[in-house]
């Protein structure tokens, strides 16, 4: 597994290179969104797929329903013996970067220290059970790490790990595929969980593994 501690430290360097300015909005502190739990097969079933380049989604942000237009983005992990992946992202509020094989979604104009990001990566020839015990152990989640077991991430089944530490919340979702594990990790400052956390979670739920 990629060293999460190095990845988190270098995320700020990546964001400095691709972004400018700083527009930090203080938002109320809530617990992170957690999908419904459900027993699952080892490999998730393939859901019905939307290939519309732009699609409207109704999401809940700060307790209010909001319609957001998201753009379809595609990533190819075939170099890692992995799948192609598509996901819808609100490109008015976020933009994409890449670091050591990880796709990183950060707020637009977030400056050197983004208050939120989402990382998408792939680990070949691994299982969720192998990765889960230590997945967040090298992050700064030094207050607590909780394994919520299998949850539903829209049509997929994922292992949900939640870490807390230094005013930051991590929500990791590990999805088993035929050749390895797809990793989705959402990191937010605790005061941004109801805003950026909700928006990035809405994106994560649109994931499609091809």
Protein backbone atom coordinates (compact mmCIF):
# COMPACT_ATOMS: atom_id res chain seq x y z
CA UNK A 1 0.00 0.00 0.00
CA UNK A 2 1.22 3.47 -0.71
CA UNK A 3 2.53 5.15 2.39
CA UNK A 4 -0.48 7.21 3.50
CA UNK A 5 1.61 9.44 5.73
CA UNK A 6 3.83 10.48 2.81
CA UNK A 7 0.76 10.90 0.60
CA UNK A 8 -1.00 13.19 3.11
CA UNK A 9 2.16 15.31 3.58
CA UNK A 10 2.71 15.65 -0.16
CA UNK A 11 -0.94 16.51 -0.87
CA UNK A 12 -0.21 20.07 0.24
CA UNK A 13 2.74 20.25 -2.20
CA UNK A 14 0.54 18.99 -5.05
CA UNK A 15 -2.21 21.47 -4.25
CA UNK A 16 0.30 24.33 -4.15
CA UNK A 17 1.42 23.44 -7.65
CA UNK A 18 -2.06 23.20 -9.19
CA UNK A 19 -4.05 25.71 -7.18
CA UNK A 20 -3.79 29.31 -5.99
CA UNK A 21 -5.57 31.50 -3.46
CA UNK A 22 -7.47 30.44 -0.38
CA UNK A 23 -11.23 30.47 0.18
CA UNK A 24 -11.87 28.69 3.45
CA UNK A 25 -15.44 28.55 4.68
CA UNK A 26 -16.18 27.64 8.26
CA UNK A 27 -18.89 24.98 8.47
CA UNK A 28 -20.52 23.23 11.43
CA UNK A 29 -18.92 20.16 12.96
CA UNK A 30 -20.89 16.96 12.45
CA UNK A 31 -20.14 13.28 12.19
CA UNK A 32 -19.21 11.96 8.77
CA UNK A 33 -21.82 10.47 6.42
CA UNK A 34 -22.04 6.69 6.67
CA UNK A 35 -23.86 4.51 4.13
CA UNK A 36 -26.28 1.78 5.18
CA UNK A 37 -24.63 -1.50 6.18
CA UNK A 38 -25.31 -4.71 4.27
CA UNK A 39 -23.69 -8.10 3.93
CA UNK A 40 -21.86 -8.45 0.64
CA UNK A 41 -20.05 -10.81 -1.72
CA UNK A 42 -16.26 -10.71 -1.95
CA UNK A 43 -16.47 -8.80 -5.24
CA UNK A 44 -19.09 -6.11 -5.70
CA UNK A 45 -21.71 -6.52 -8.39
CA UNK A 46 -21.62 -4.13 -11.34
CA UNK A 47 -24.37 -1.48 -11.10
CA UNK A 48 -26.33 0.17 -13.86
CA UNK A 49 -24.05 2.77 -15.43
CA UNK A 50 -24.70 6.36 -16.46
CA UNK A 51 -22.42 7.69 -19.20
CA UNK A 52 -23.89 11.17 -19.45
CA UNK A 53 -21.00 13.69 -19.63
CA UNK A 54 -22.85 16.05 -17.29
CA UNK A 55 -25.55 14.98 -14.86
CA UNK A 56 -27.58 16.68 -12.13
CA UNK A 57 -27.60 15.19 -8.62
CA UNK A 58 -29.69 16.15 -5.60
CA UNK A 59 -27.45 16.12 -2.53
CA UNK A 60 -27.85 17.14 1.10
CA UNK A 61 -25.45 19.91 2.15
CA UNK A 62 -25.64 21.51 5.58
CA UNK A 63 -29.10 20.03 6.11
CA UNK A 64 -30.49 21.42 2.85
CA UNK A 65 -31.19 19.66 -0.45
CA UNK A 66 -29.24 21.11 -3.35
CA UNK A 67 -29.14 20.24 -7.06
CA UNK A 68 -25.57 20.07 -8.35
CA UNK A 69 -24.33 19.50 -11.90
CA UNK A 70 -21.38 17.11 -11.99
CA UNK A 71 -19.06 16.12 -14.82
CA UNK A 72 -18.10 12.53 -15.62
CA UNK A 73 -14.36 11.87 -15.20
CA UNK A 74 -12.54 8.65 -16.05
CA UNK A 75 -9.36 7.15 -14.61
CA UNK A 76 -7.38 4.20 -15.95
CA UNK A 77 -5.54 1.99 -13.47
CA UNK A 78 -4.55 -0.61 -16.09
CA UNK A 79 -0.86 0.19 -15.54
CA UNK A 80 -1.37 -1.25 -12.04
CA UNK A 81 -3.30 -4.25 -13.42
CA UNK A 82 -6.43 -2.47 -12.28
CA UNK A 83 -9.74 -1.40 -13.82
CA UNK A 84 -10.94 1.71 -15.52
CA UNK A 85 -12.99 3.86 -13.17
CA UNK A 86 -15.46 6.67 -13.73
CA UNK A 87 -16.86 9.14 -11.21
CA UNK A 88 -18.95 12.31 -11.27
CA UNK A 89 -17.30 15.43 -9.81
CA UNK A 90 -18.57 18.97 -9.23
CA UNK A 91 -15.97 20.73 -11.37
CA UNK A 92 -17.21 24.18 -10.40
CA UNK A 93 -16.03 23.56 -6.85
CA UNK A 94 -13.25 20.99 -7.32
CA UNK A 95 -10.39 20.15 -9.61
CA UNK A 96 -8.19 17.13 -10.20
CA UNK A 97 -4.55 16.39 -9.60
CA UNK A 98 -2.43 13.24 -9.73
CA UNK A 99 0.33 11.98 -7.46
CA UNK A 100 2.13 8.64 -7.62
CA UNK A 101 -0.81 6.90 -9.27
CA UNK A 102 -3.44 8.47 -7.02
CA UNK A 103 -6.14 10.76 -8.40
CA UNK A 104 -6.68 13.65 -5.98
CA UNK A 105 -9.78 15.88 -5.90
CA UNK A 106 -9.30 19.22 -4.13
CA UNK A 107 -11.41 22.37 -3.76
CA UNK A 108 -10.83 25.11 -6.32
CA UNK A 109 -8.67 27.96 -4.98
CA UNK A 110 -7.92 26.09 -1.76
CA UNK A 111 -4.30 27.25 -1.64
CA UNK A 112 -1.45 25.30 -0.10
CA UNK A 113 -3.52 23.78 2.70
CA UNK A 114 -6.83 22.42 1.41
CA UNK A 115 -9.45 21.80 4.07
CA UNK A 116 -10.68 18.76 2.16
CA UNK A 117 -9.60 16.28 -0.50
CA UNK A 118 -10.57 12.92 -1.96
CA UNK A 119 -7.96 10.39 -3.09
CA UNK A 120 -8.69 7.50 -5.43
CA UNK A 121 -6.14 4.73 -5.94
CA UNK A 122 -5.76 1.03 -6.69
CA UNK A 123 -3.82 -1.75 -4.95
CA UNK A 124 -3.21 -4.76 -7.18
CA UNK A 125 -3.26 -8.35 -5.92
CA UNK A 126 -4.59 -7.38 -2.49
CA UNK A 127 -7.80 -8.07 -0.62
CA UNK A 128 -9.84 -5.73 1.55
CA UNK A 129 -9.19 -7.96 4.56
CA UNK A 130 -5.44 -7.62 4.02
CA UNK A 131 -5.47 -3.83 3.69
CA UNK A 132 -8.11 -2.78 6.21
CA UNK A 133 -6.27 -3.37 9.54
CA UNK A 134 -3.42 -0.93 8.78
CA UNK A 135 -4.95 1.27 6.09
CA UNK A 136 -5.20 4.43 8.22
CA UNK A 137 -2.51 3.57 10.76
CA UNK A 138 0.17 5.72 9.10
CA UNK A 139 -2.06 8.76 8.67
CA UNK A 140 -2.45 11.39 11.38
CA UNK A 141 -5.61 9.66 12.66
CA UNK A 142 -4.00 9.37 16.08
CA UNK A 143 -7.15 9.83 18.18
CA UNK A 144 -9.17 6.89 16.91
CA UNK A 145 -9.61 4.52 13.97
CA UNK A 146 -12.91 2.68 13.60
CA UNK A 147 -13.66 -0.20 11.24
CA UNK A 148 -17.38 0.01 10.39
CA UNK A 149 -17.28 -3.19 8.36
CA UNK A 150 -19.06 -3.58 5.04
CA UNK A 151 -21.32 -0.72 3.95
CA UNK A 152 -23.16 0.13 0.74
CA UNK A 153 -21.54 2.81 -1.41
CA UNK A 154 -24.45 3.23 -3.78
CA UNK A 155 -24.46 -0.07 -5.75
CA UNK A 156 -21.06 -1.24 -4.49
CA UNK A 157 -20.03 -2.83 -1.23
CA UNK A 158 -17.09 -1.22 0.55
CA UNK A 159 -15.24 -1.60 3.83
CA UNK A 160 -15.60 1.72 5.68
CA UNK A 161 -12.78 2.93 7.93
CA UNK A 162 -13.08 6.19 9.88
CA UNK A 163 -10.09 7.93 11.46
CA UNK A 164 -9.94 11.04 13.65
CA UNK A 165 -7.00 13.17 14.71
CA UNK A 166 -5.64 16.72 14.87
CA UNK A 167 -8.96 18.29 13.88
CA UNK A 168 -9.21 16.08 10.79
CA UNK A 169 -11.58 13.29 9.79
CA UNK A 170 -10.75 10.47 7.35
CA UNK A 171 -13.40 8.32 5.67
CA UNK A 172 -11.90 5.45 3.67
CA UNK A 173 -13.86 3.08 1.42
CA UNK A 174 -12.17 -0.10 0.16
CA UNK A 175 -13.89 -1.92 -2.71
CA UNK A 176 -12.83 -5.44 -3.71
CA UNK A 177 -12.37 -6.03 -7.45
CA UNK A 178 -11.19 -9.07 -9.42
CA UNK A 179 -7.54 -7.92 -9.43
CA UNK A 180 -7.21 -5.92 -6.24
CA UNK A 181 -8.73 -3.16 -4.14
CA UNK A 182 -10.01 0.25 -5.20
CA UNK A 183 -9.31 2.84 -2.49
CA UNK A 184 -11.38 6.00 -1.96
CA UNK A 185 -10.31 8.22 0.94
CA UNK A 186 -12.09 11.45 1.87
CA UNK A 187 -10.20 13.77 4.22
CA UNK A 188 -11.75 16.89 5.74
CA UNK A 189 -11.15 19.24 8.59
CA UNK A 190 -13.85 18.48 11.15
CA UNK A 191 -15.64 21.79 10.58
CA UNK A 192 -15.91 20.99 6.85
CA UNK A 193 -17.60 17.59 7.11
CA UNK A 194 -21.10 18.92 6.48
CA UNK A 195 -19.97 20.98 3.48
CA UNK A 196 -16.99 19.56 1.58
CA UNK A 197 -17.41 16.18 3.27
CA UNK A 198 -20.99 15.87 2.03
CA UNK A 199 -20.08 17.00 -1.49
CA UNK A 200 -17.14 14.63 -1.84
CA UNK A 201 -19.18 11.75 -0.42
CA UNK A 202 -21.85 12.48 -3.05
CA UNK A 203 -19.13 12.12 -5.70
CA UNK A 204 -17.83 8.90 -4.15
CA UNK A 205 -21.29 7.35 -4.42
CA UNK A 206 -21.19 7.78 -8.22
CA UNK A 207 -18.12 5.57 -8.62
CA UNK A 208 -18.27 3.02 -11.42
CA UNK A 209 -15.69 0.27 -11.86
CA UNK A 210 -15.41 -1.01 -15.43
